[in-house]
PDB file of N, CA and C in Angstrom:
ATOM      1  N   MET A   1       1.095  -0.851   0.001  1.00  0.00           N
ATOM      2  CA  MET A   1      -0.131   0.283   0.357  1.00  0.00           C
ATOM      3  C   MET A   1       0.840   1.302  -0.127  1.00  0.00           C
ATOM      4  N   ILE A   2       0.421   1.997  -1.033  1.00  0.00           N
ATOM      5  CA  ILE A   2       1.523   3.749  -0.897  1.00  0.00           C
ATOM      6  C   ILE A   2       0.223   4.245  -0.771  1.00  0.00           C
ATOM      7  N   ILE A   3       0.724   5.388   0.725  1.00  0.00           N
ATOM      8  CA  ILE A   3      -0.067   6.863   0.322  1.00  0.00           C
ATOM      9  C   ILE A   3       0.512   7.787   0.370  1.00  0.00           C
ATOM     10  N   GLU A   4      -0.285   8.136  -0.600  1.00  0.00           N
ATOM     11  CA  GLU A   4      -0.052   9.852  -1.292  1.00  0.00           C
ATOM     12  C   GLU A   4      -1.040  10.854  -0.402  1.00  0.00           C
ATOM     13  N   VAL A   5       0.237  11.493   0.378  1.00  0.00           N
ATOM     14  CA  VAL A   5       0.299  12.576   0.780  1.00  0.00           C
ATOM     15  C   VAL A   5       0.364  14.266   0.325  1.00  0.00           C
ATOM     16  N   ALA A   6      -0.711  15.037  -0.137  1.00  0.00           N
ATOM     17  CA  ALA A   6      -0.438  16.078  -0.948  1.00  0.00           C
ATOM     18  C   ALA A   6      -1.123  17.095  -0.133  1.00  0.00           C
ATOM     19  N   HIS A   7       0.427  18.427   0.149  1.00  0.00           N
ATOM     20  CA  HIS A   7       0.102  19.413   0.839  1.00  0.00           C
ATOM     21  C   HIS A   7      -0.864  20.203  -0.153  1.00  0.00           C
ATOM     22  N   ILE A   8      -2.122  20.841  -0.006  1.00  0.00           N
ATOM     23  CA  ILE A   8      -2.236  22.016  -0.784  1.00  0.00           C
ATOM     24  C   ILE A   8      -2.770  23.618   0.153  1.00  0.00           C
ATOM     25  N   LYS A   9      -2.223  24.396  -0.865  1.00  0.00           N
ATOM     26  CA  LYS A   9      -2.844  25.669   0.180  1.00  0.00           C
ATOM     27  C   LYS A   9      -3.790  26.229  -0.693  1.00  0.00           C
ATOM     28  N   VAL A  10      -5.436  25.988  -0.470  1.00  0.00           N
ATOM     29  CA  VAL A  10      -6.185  27.135  -0.912  1.00  0.00           C
ATOM     30  C   VAL A  10      -6.165  28.480  -0.678  1.00  0.00           C
ATOM     31  N   LYS A  11      -6.523  29.488  -1.772  1.00  0.00           N
ATOM     32  CA  LYS A  11      -7.152  30.480  -1.867  1.00  0.00           C
ATOM     33  C   LYS A  11      -7.859  30.813  -0.546  1.00  0.00           C
ATOM     34  N   PRO A  12      -7.237  31.733   0.430  1.00  0.00           N
ATOM     35  CA  PRO A  12      -8.102  32.314   1.373  1.00  0.00           C
ATOM     36  C   PRO A  12      -9.695  33.109   0.788  1.00  0.00           C
ATOM     37  N   GLY A  13     -10.727  32.425   1.483  1.00  0.00           N
ATOM     38  CA  GLY A  13     -11.931  32.079   1.048  1.00  0.00           C
ATOM     39  C   GLY A  13     -12.686  31.159   0.600  1.00  0.00           C
ATOM     40  N   HIS A  14     -11.404  30.092  -0.036  1.00  0.00           N
ATOM     41  CA  HIS A  14     -11.687  29.464  -1.013  1.00  0.00           C
ATOM     42  C   HIS A  14     -12.098  28.175  -0.068  1.00  0.00           C
ATOM     43  N   GLU A  15     -11.828  27.874   1.018  1.00  0.00           N
ATOM     44  CA  GLU A  15     -12.176  26.686   1.911  1.00  0.00           C
ATOM     45  C   GLU A  15     -13.359  26.029   1.874  1.00  0.00           C
ATOM     46  N   ALA A  16     -14.820  26.521   1.746  1.00  0.00           N
ATOM     47  CA  ALA A  16     -15.294  25.639   2.182  1.00  0.00           C
ATOM     48  C   ALA A  16     -15.892  25.254   0.265  1.00  0.00           C
ATOM     49  N   GLU A  17     -15.434  25.861  -0.494  1.00  0.00           N
ATOM     50  CA  GLU A  17     -15.835  25.772  -1.923  1.00  0.00           C
ATOM     51  C   GLU A  17     -14.894  24.339  -2.182  1.00  0.00           C
ATOM     52  N   PHE A  18     -13.532  24.848  -1.861  1.00  0.00           N
ATOM     53  CA  PHE A  18     -12.412  22.972  -1.801  1.00  0.00           C
ATOM     54  C   PHE A  18     -13.202  22.122  -1.635  1.00  0.00           C
ATOM     55  N   GLU A  19     -13.592  22.440  -0.245  1.00  0.00           N
ATOM     56  CA  GLU A  19     -13.866  20.786   0.635  1.00  0.00           C
ATOM     57  C   GLU A  19     -15.142  20.545  -0.189  1.00  0.00           C
ATOM     58  N   ALA A  20     -15.936  21.106  -0.656  1.00  0.00           N
ATOM     59  CA  ALA A  20     -17.256  20.788  -1.308  1.00  0.00           C
ATOM     60  C   ALA A  20     -16.135  20.040  -2.794  1.00  0.00           C
ATOM     61  N   ALA A  21     -15.527  20.578  -3.837  1.00  0.00           N
ATOM     62  CA  ALA A  21     -15.147  19.960  -4.551  1.00  0.00           C
ATOM     63  C   ALA A  21     -14.133  18.780  -4.409  1.00  0.00           C
ATOM     64  N   VAL A  22     -13.171  18.749  -2.905  1.00  0.00           N
ATOM     65  CA  VAL A  22     -13.312  16.820  -3.080  1.00  0.00           C
ATOM     66  C   VAL A  22     -14.403  16.295  -3.018  1.00  0.00           C
ATOM     67  N   GLN A  23     -15.289  16.706  -2.244  1.00  0.00           N
ATOM     68  CA  GLN A  23     -16.051  15.754  -1.823  1.00  0.00           C
ATOM     69  C   GLN A  23     -16.841  14.737  -3.265  1.00  0.00           C
ATOM     70  N   THR A  24     -17.076  16.135  -3.815  1.00  0.00           N
ATOM     71  CA  THR A  24     -17.340  15.664  -5.501  1.00  0.00           C
ATOM     72  C   THR A  24     -16.329  14.857  -5.963  1.00  0.00           C
ATOM     73  N   ALA A  25     -14.991  15.257  -5.740  1.00  0.00           N
ATOM     74  CA  ALA A  25     -14.074  14.429  -6.782  1.00  0.00           C
ATOM     75  C   ALA A  25     -14.032  12.923  -6.367  1.00  0.00           C
ATOM     76  N   SER A  26     -14.387  12.894  -5.233  1.00  0.00           N
ATOM     77  CA  SER A  26     -14.244  11.771  -4.648  1.00  0.00           C
ATOM     78  C   SER A  26     -14.813  10.630  -5.944  1.00  0.00           C
ATOM     79  N   ALA A  27     -15.476  11.238  -6.181  1.00  0.00           N
ATOM     80  CA  ALA A  27     -16.484   9.841  -7.737  1.00  0.00           C
ATOM     81  C   ALA A  27     -15.282   9.579  -8.365  1.00  0.00           C
ATOM     82  N   VAL A  28     -14.258  10.474  -8.970  1.00  0.00           N
ATOM     83  CA  VAL A  28     -13.381  10.497  -9.919  1.00  0.00           C
ATOM     84  C   VAL A  28     -12.393   9.320  -9.038  1.00  0.00           C
ATOM     85  N   PHE A  29     -11.918  10.081  -7.900  1.00  0.00           N
ATOM     86  CA  PHE A  29     -10.889   8.516  -7.216  1.00  0.00           C
ATOM     87  C   PHE A  29     -11.222   7.179  -7.309  1.00  0.00           C
ATOM     88  N   ARG A  30     -13.282   6.940  -6.683  1.00  0.00           N
ATOM     89  CA  ARG A  30     -13.419   5.706  -6.863  1.00  0.00           C
ATOM     90  C   ARG A  30     -13.259   4.498  -7.882  1.00  0.00           C
ATOM     91  N   LYS A  31     -13.416   5.794  -9.591  1.00  0.00           N
ATOM     92  CA  LYS A  31     -12.969   4.857 -10.647  1.00  0.00           C
ATOM     93  C   LYS A  31     -11.480   4.755 -11.054  1.00  0.00           C
ATOM     94  N   ALA A  32     -10.928   4.933 -10.506  1.00  0.00           N
ATOM     95  CA  ALA A  32      -9.390   4.930 -10.809  1.00  0.00           C
ATOM     96  C   ALA A  32      -8.492   3.732 -10.533  1.00  0.00           C
ATOM     97  N   LYS A  33      -8.154   2.936 -10.924  1.00  0.00           N
ATOM     98  CA  LYS A  33      -7.940   1.738 -10.714  1.00  0.00           C
ATOM     99  C   LYS A  33      -6.124   1.706  -9.832  1.00  0.00           C
ATOM    100  N   GLY A  34      -6.620   0.827  -8.705  1.00  0.00           N
ATOM    101  CA  GLY A  34      -5.734   0.949  -7.443  1.00  0.00           C
ATOM    102  C   GLY A  34      -6.012   1.955  -6.795  1.00  0.00           C
ATOM    103  N   CYS A  35      -7.081   2.740  -6.473  1.00  0.00           N
ATOM    104  CA  CYS A  35      -7.051   3.861  -5.167  1.00  0.00           C
ATOM    105  C   CYS A  35      -8.105   3.227  -4.297  1.00  0.00           C
ATOM    106  N   LYS A  36      -7.865   2.771  -3.344  1.00  0.00           N
ATOM    107  CA  LYS A  36      -8.413   2.707  -1.850  1.00  0.00           C
ATOM    108  C   LYS A  36      -9.480   3.508  -0.874  1.00  0.00           C
ATOM    109  N   GLY A  37      -8.898   4.602  -1.299  1.00  0.00           N
ATOM    110  CA  GLY A  37      -9.506   5.759  -0.225  1.00  0.00           C
ATOM    111  C   GLY A  37      -8.832   7.026  -0.684  1.00  0.00           C
ATOM    112  N   LEU A  38      -9.657   7.740  -0.025  1.00  0.00           N
ATOM    113  CA  LEU A  38      -9.053   8.968   0.746  1.00  0.00           C
ATOM    114  C   LEU A  38      -9.533   9.716   1.300  1.00  0.00           C
ATOM    115  N   HIS A  39      -9.163  11.114   2.327  1.00  0.00           N
ATOM    116  CA  HIS A  39      -9.633  11.503   3.607  1.00  0.00           C
ATOM    117  C   HIS A  39      -8.388  13.101   3.270  1.00  0.00           C
ATOM    118  N   LEU A  40      -9.649  13.872   3.720  1.00  0.00           N
ATOM    119  CA  LEU A  40      -8.983  15.097   3.562  1.00  0.00           C
ATOM    120  C   LEU A  40      -9.065  15.613   5.138  1.00  0.00           C
ATOM    121  N   GLN A  41      -7.662  16.375   5.331  1.00  0.00           N
ATOM    122  CA  GLN A  41      -7.778  16.990   6.562  1.00  0.00           C
ATOM    123  C   GLN A  41      -7.300  18.410   6.526  1.00  0.00           C
ATOM    124  N   ARG A  42      -7.691  19.033   7.286  1.00  0.00           N
ATOM    125  CA  ARG A  42      -7.629  20.889   7.929  1.00  0.00           C
ATOM    126  C   ARG A  42      -6.543  20.705   9.008  1.00  0.00           C
ATOM    127  N   CYS A  43      -5.642  22.042   8.296  1.00  0.00           N
ATOM    128  CA  CYS A  43      -4.717  22.667   9.612  1.00  0.00           C
ATOM    129  C   CYS A  43      -5.716  23.142  10.508  1.00  0.00           C
ATOM    130  N   ILE A  44      -5.469  23.477  11.647  1.00  0.00           N
ATOM    131  CA  ILE A  44      -6.056  24.058  12.646  1.00  0.00           C
ATOM    132  C   ILE A  44      -5.381  25.525  12.648  1.00  0.00           C
ATOM    133  N   GLU A  45      -3.910  25.563  12.422  1.00  0.00           N
ATOM    134  CA  GLU A  45      -3.463  26.991  12.888  1.00  0.00           C
ATOM    135  C   GLU A  45      -3.745  27.625  11.884  1.00  0.00           C
ATOM    136  N   ALA A  46      -3.372  26.950  10.398  1.00  0.00           N
ATOM    137  CA  ALA A  46      -3.608  27.707   9.030  1.00  0.00           C
ATOM    138  C   ALA A  46      -4.939  26.820   8.834  1.00  0.00           C
ATOM    139  N   PRO A  47      -5.629  27.482   8.815  1.00  0.00           N
ATOM    140  CA  PRO A  47      -7.127  26.720   8.316  1.00  0.00           C
ATOM    141  C   PRO A  47      -7.314  26.717   6.709  1.00  0.00           C
ATOM    142  N   ALA A  48      -6.128  27.548   5.628  1.00  0.00           N
ATOM    143  CA  ALA A  48      -6.728  27.043   4.585  1.00  0.00           C
ATOM    144  C   ALA A  48      -5.310  26.620   4.334  1.00  0.00           C
ATOM    145  N   GLU A  49      -4.743  25.381   4.805  1.00  0.00           N
ATOM    146  CA  GLU A  49      -3.649  24.776   4.352  1.00  0.00           C
ATOM    147  C   GLU A  49      -4.181  23.025   4.938  1.00  0.00           C
ATOM    148  N   TYR A  50      -3.996  22.662   3.371  1.00  0.00           N
ATOM    149  CA  TYR A  50      -4.956  20.829   3.746  1.00  0.00           C
ATOM    150  C   TYR A  50      -3.386  19.514   3.399  1.00  0.00           C
ATOM    151  N   GLU A  51      -4.209  18.601   3.808  1.00  0.00           N
ATOM    152  CA  GLU A  51      -3.664  16.985   3.137  1.00  0.00           C
ATOM    153  C   GLU A  51      -4.805  16.261   2.870  1.00  0.00           C
ATOM    154  N   ALA A  52      -4.119  16.516   1.555  1.00  0.00           N
ATOM    155  CA  ALA A  52      -5.183  14.855   1.161  1.00  0.00           C
ATOM    156  C   ALA A  52      -4.459  13.866   0.563  1.00  0.00           C
ATOM    157  N   VAL A  53      -4.527  12.898   1.767  1.00  0.00           N
ATOM    158  CA  VAL A  53      -4.289  11.596   2.012  1.00  0.00           C
ATOM    159  C   VAL A  53      -5.303  10.539   1.004  1.00  0.00           C
ATOM    160  N   ILE A  54      -4.356  10.095   0.272  1.00  0.00           N
ATOM    161  CA  ILE A  54      -4.706   9.318  -0.636  1.00  0.00           C
ATOM    162  C   ILE A  54      -4.201   7.483  -0.661  1.00  0.00           C
ATOM    163  N   ARG A  55      -5.026   6.444  -0.617  1.00  0.00           N
ATOM    164  CA  ARG A  55      -4.267   5.319  -0.239  1.00  0.00           C
ATOM    165  C   ARG A  55      -4.316   4.781  -2.129  1.00  0.00           C
ATOM    166  N   TRP A  56      -3.080   4.325  -1.977  1.00  0.00           N
ATOM    167  CA  TRP A  56      -2.856   3.120  -3.931  1.00  0.00           C
ATOM    168  C   TRP A  56      -2.252   2.179  -3.487  1.00  0.00           C
ATOM    169  N   GLU A  57      -2.838   1.461  -4.367  1.00  0.00           N
ATOM    170  CA  GLU A  57      -2.100  -0.527  -3.777  1.00  0.00           C
ATOM    171  C   GLU A  57      -0.707  -0.227  -4.902  1.00  0.00           C
ATOM    172  N   THR A  58      -0.118   0.795  -5.568  1.00  0.00           N
ATOM    173  CA  THR A  58       0.518   0.733  -5.830  1.00  0.00           C
ATOM    174  C   THR A  58       1.320   2.394  -6.431  1.00  0.00           C
ATOM    175  N   LEU A  59       2.676   2.793  -6.242  1.00  0.00           N
ATOM    176  CA  LEU A  59       3.156   4.028  -6.932  1.00  0.00           C
ATOM    177  C   LEU A  59       2.657   4.665  -8.272  1.00  0.00           C
ATOM    178  N   GLU A  60       3.026   2.947  -8.571  1.00  0.00           N
ATOM    179  CA  GLU A  60       2.518   3.290  -9.968  1.00  0.00           C
ATOM    180  C   GLU A  60       1.084   3.133 -10.266  1.00  0.00           C
ATOM    181  N   ASP A  61       0.149   3.083  -9.569  1.00  0.00           N
ATOM    182  CA  ASP A  61      -1.125   3.190  -9.981  1.00  0.00           C
ATOM    183  C   ASP A  61      -1.437   4.733  -9.643  1.00  0.00           C
ATOM    184  N   HIS A  62      -0.844   5.270  -9.124  1.00  0.00           N
ATOM    185  CA  HIS A  62      -0.834   7.258  -8.668  1.00  0.00           C
ATOM    186  C   HIS A  62      -0.154   7.553  -9.924  1.00  0.00           C
ATOM    187  N   THR A  63       1.279   7.237 -10.109  1.00  0.00           N
ATOM    188  CA  THR A  63       2.498   8.262 -10.644  1.00  0.00           C
ATOM    189  C   THR A  63       1.958   7.949 -12.471  1.00  0.00           C
ATOM    190  N   VAL A  64       1.828   6.537 -12.967  1.00  0.00           N
ATOM    191  CA  VAL A  64       0.753   6.274 -14.113  1.00  0.00           C
ATOM    192  C   VAL A  64      -0.189   6.433 -14.496  1.00  0.00           C
ATOM    193  N   GLY A  65      -1.027   5.569 -13.789  1.00  0.00           N
ATOM    194  CA  GLY A  65      -2.648   5.161 -14.434  1.00  0.00           C
ATOM    195  C   GLY A  65      -3.285   6.026 -13.794  1.00  0.00           C
ATOM    196  N   PHE A  66      -3.053   7.085 -12.700  1.00  0.00           N
ATOM    197  CA  PHE A  66      -4.079   7.883 -12.230  1.00  0.00           C
ATOM    198  C   PHE A  66      -3.609   9.999 -12.878  1.00  0.00           C
ATOM    199  N   ARG A  67      -2.229  10.046 -12.904  1.00  0.00           N
ATOM    200  CA  ARG A  67      -2.030  11.273 -13.316  1.00  0.00           C
ATOM    201  C   ARG A  67      -1.684  11.008 -14.448  1.00  0.00           C
ATOM    202  N   GLN A  68      -1.528   9.994 -15.495  1.00  0.00           N
ATOM    203  CA  GLN A  68      -1.511  10.086 -17.014  1.00  0.00           C
ATOM    204  C   GLN A  68      -2.987  10.004 -17.562  1.00  0.00           C
ATOM    205  N   SER A  69      -4.216   9.961 -16.899  1.00  0.00           N
ATOM    206  CA  SER A  69      -5.036   9.564 -17.081  1.00  0.00           C
ATOM    207  C   SER A  69      -6.167  11.124 -17.261  1.00  0.00           C
ATOM    208  N   GLU A  70      -7.308  10.922 -18.016  1.00  0.00           N
ATOM    209  CA  GLU A  70      -8.458  11.836 -17.712  1.00  0.00           C
ATOM    210  C   GLU A  70      -9.223  11.956 -16.578  1.00  0.00           C
ATOM    211  N   LEU A  71      -9.051  10.845 -15.634  1.00  0.00           N
ATOM    212  CA  LEU A  71      -9.192  10.938 -14.376  1.00  0.00           C
ATOM    213  C   LEU A  71      -8.673  12.870 -13.524  1.00  0.00           C
ATOM    214  N   PHE A  72      -7.303  12.357 -13.725  1.00  0.00           N
ATOM    215  CA  PHE A  72      -6.212  13.036 -13.103  1.00  0.00           C
ATOM    216  C   PHE A  72      -7.358  14.966 -13.908  1.00  0.00           C
ATOM    217  N   GLN A  73      -7.208  15.122 -15.123  1.00  0.00           N
ATOM    218  CA  GLN A  73      -7.940  16.015 -15.881  1.00  0.00           C
ATOM    219  C   GLN A  73      -9.153  16.693 -14.443  1.00  0.00           C
ATOM    220  N   GLN A  74     -10.286  15.280 -14.449  1.00  0.00           N
ATOM    221  CA  GLN A  74     -11.061  15.526 -14.096  1.00  0.00           C
ATOM    222  C   GLN A  74     -10.837  16.054 -12.145  1.00  0.00           C
ATOM    223  N   TRP A  75      -9.893  15.852 -12.019  1.00  0.00           N
ATOM    224  CA  TRP A  75      -9.629  16.185  -9.958  1.00  0.00           C
ATOM    225  C   TRP A  75      -8.980  17.087 -10.497  1.00  0.00           C
ATOM    226  N   ARG A  76      -8.380  17.723 -11.341  1.00  0.00           N
ATOM    227  CA  ARG A  76      -7.704  19.139 -10.985  1.00  0.00           C
ATOM    228  C   ARG A  76      -8.814  20.409 -12.116  1.00  0.00           C
ATOM    229  N   GLU A  77      -9.802  19.758 -12.397  1.00  0.00           N
ATOM    230  CA  GLU A  77     -10.436  20.774 -13.157  1.00  0.00           C
ATOM    231  C   GLU A  77     -11.680  21.030 -11.665  1.00  0.00           C
ATOM    232  N   LEU A  78     -12.194  20.236 -11.323  1.00  0.00           N
ATOM    233  CA  LEU A  78     -12.299  20.263  -9.717  1.00  0.00           C
ATOM    234  C   LEU A  78     -12.183  21.075  -9.234  1.00  0.00           C
ATOM    235  N   VAL A  79     -10.941  21.005  -8.687  1.00  0.00           N
ATOM    236  CA  VAL A  79      -9.985  21.369  -7.298  1.00  0.00           C
ATOM    237  C   VAL A  79      -9.441  22.397  -7.672  1.00  0.00           C
ATOM    238  N   GLY A  80      -8.508  22.519  -9.108  1.00  0.00           N
ATOM    239  CA  GLY A  80      -7.917  23.471  -8.938  1.00  0.00           C
ATOM    240  C   GLY A  80      -7.672  24.630  -9.251  1.00  0.00           C
ATOM    241  N   PRO A  81      -8.919  25.751  -9.368  1.00  0.00           N
ATOM    242  CA  PRO A  81      -9.176  27.033  -9.324  1.00  0.00           C
ATOM    243  C   PRO A  81      -9.225  27.226  -7.703  1.00  0.00           C
ATOM    244  N   HIS A  82      -8.984  26.516  -6.893  1.00  0.00           N
ATOM    245  CA  HIS A  82      -9.128  26.925  -5.803  1.00  0.00           C
ATOM    246  C   HIS A  82      -7.677  26.685  -4.812  1.00  0.00           C
ATOM    247  N   PHE A  83      -6.356  26.139  -5.575  1.00  0.00           N
ATOM    248  CA  PHE A  83      -5.447  26.182  -5.101  1.00  0.00           C
ATOM    249  C   PHE A  83      -4.791  27.536  -4.984  1.00  0.00           C
ATOM    250  N   ASP A  84      -4.144  27.700  -4.198  1.00  0.00           N
ATOM    251  CA  ASP A  84      -3.268  29.323  -4.043  1.00  0.00           C
ATOM    252  C   ASP A  84      -1.679  28.283  -4.276  1.00  0.00           C
ATOM    253  N   GLY A  85      -1.169  27.847  -5.832  1.00  0.00           N
ATOM    254  CA  GLY A  85      -0.088  27.702  -5.950  1.00  0.00           C
ATOM    255  C   GLY A  85      -0.055  25.922  -5.782  1.00  0.00           C
ATOM    256  N   PRO A  86       1.034  25.509  -6.301  1.00  0.00           N
ATOM    257  CA  PRO A  86       1.015  23.985  -6.677  1.00  0.00           C
ATOM    258  C   PRO A  86       1.072  23.128  -5.635  1.00  0.00           C
ATOM    259  N   PRO A  87       0.146  21.415  -5.261  1.00  0.00           N
ATOM    260  CA  PRO A  87       0.312  21.200  -3.906  1.00  0.00           C
ATOM    261  C   PRO A  87       1.735  20.458  -4.219  1.00  0.00           C
ATOM    262  N   GLN A  88       2.201  20.357  -3.098  1.00  0.00           N
ATOM    263  CA  GLN A  88       3.438  19.368  -2.694  1.00  0.00           C
ATOM    264  C   GLN A  88       3.332  18.277  -2.654  1.00  0.00           C
ATOM    265  N   VAL A  89       3.402  16.849  -3.486  1.00  0.00           N
ATOM    266  CA  VAL A  89       2.682  15.480  -3.488  1.00  0.00           C
ATOM    267  C   VAL A  89       4.183  14.813  -2.915  1.00  0.00           C
ATOM    268  N   ARG A  90       3.835  13.858  -1.461  1.00  0.00           N
ATOM    269  CA  ARG A  90       4.781  13.277  -1.318  1.00  0.00           C
ATOM    270  C   ARG A  90       3.753  11.458  -1.360  1.00  0.00           C
ATOM    271  N   HIS A  91       5.232  10.663  -1.566  1.00  0.00           N
ATOM    272  CA  HIS A  91       4.537   9.444  -1.103  1.00  0.00           C
ATOM    273  C   HIS A  91       5.002   8.532   0.027  1.00  0.00           C
ATOM    274  N   HIS A  92       4.696   7.958   0.643  1.00  0.00           N
ATOM    275  CA  HIS A  92       4.868   7.234   1.693  1.00  0.00           C
ATOM    276  C   HIS A  92       4.373   5.597   1.601  1.00  0.00           C
ATOM    277  N   GLU A  93       5.090   4.861   2.680  1.00  0.00           N
ATOM    278  CA  GLU A  93       4.643   3.942   3.330  1.00  0.00           C
ATOM    279  C   GLU A  93       4.282   2.911   4.218  1.00  0.00           C
ATOM    280  N   ILE A  94       3.658   2.375   4.609  1.00  0.00           N
ATOM    281  CA  ILE A  94       3.480   2.145   5.853  1.00  0.00           C
ATOM    282  C   ILE A  94       4.975   1.005   7.101  1.00  0.00           C
ATOM    283  N   ALA A  95       4.917   2.097   8.079  1.00  0.00           N
ATOM    284  CA  ALA A  95       6.768   1.513   9.066  1.00  0.00           C
ATOM    285  C   ALA A  95       5.956   0.864   9.941  1.00  0.00           C
ATOM    286  N   ILE A  96       4.995   1.130  10.570  1.00  0.00           N
ATOM    287  CA  ILE A  96       3.927   0.368  12.248  1.00  0.00           C
ATOM    288  C   ILE A  96       2.749   0.525  11.545  1.00  0.00           C
ATOM    289  N   PRO A  97       2.354  -0.533  11.550  1.00  0.00           N
ATOM    290  CA  PRO A  97       0.828  -0.197  11.115  1.00  0.00           C
ATOM    291  C   PRO A  97       0.362   0.809  12.276  1.00  0.00           C
ATOM    292  N   ARG A  98      -1.475   1.237  11.749  1.00  0.00           N
ATOM    293  CA  ARG A  98      -2.106   2.407  13.165  1.00  0.00           C
ATOM    294  C   ARG A  98      -2.432   1.378  14.733  1.00  0.00           C
ATOM    295  N   ILE A  99      -1.966   1.974  15.366  1.00  0.00           N
ATOM    296  CA  ILE A  99      -2.189   1.510  16.536  1.00  0.00           C
ATOM    297  C   ILE A  99      -3.096   2.023  17.189  1.00  0.00           C
ATOM    298  N   ASP A 100      -4.497   1.857  17.460  1.00  0.00           N
ATOM    299  CA  ASP A 100      -5.243   2.375  18.436  1.00  0.00           C
ATOM    300  C   ASP A 100      -5.249   2.331  19.888  1.00  0.00           C
ATOM    301  N   PHE A 101      -5.795   3.399  20.371  1.00  0.00           N
ATOM    302  CA  PHE A 101      -6.005   2.944  22.080  1.00  0.00           C
ATOM    303  C   PHE A 101      -6.910   3.368  22.215  1.00  0.00           C
TER     304      PHE A 101
END
């Protein structure tokens, strides 16, 4: 499992519209090969900053299959107008599984 973490800054005042666009875009990710789910988290100290956390079966499912597809264009059309600069994207793998208390 690969975890994509996209740090996204949105234009001030676009927070609600951006969140609604990501909700709509969840349908795009449902169609993407290898996509296992996503969530969006918002920074408390900087409310115009978000992290989209998207789970993929393989790195290539994201970097090749999704990024080079029409689905990626649909994603960007929905959320791109709200970006305040390009997202910073990194890929992670689980080092220690989630531990709940």
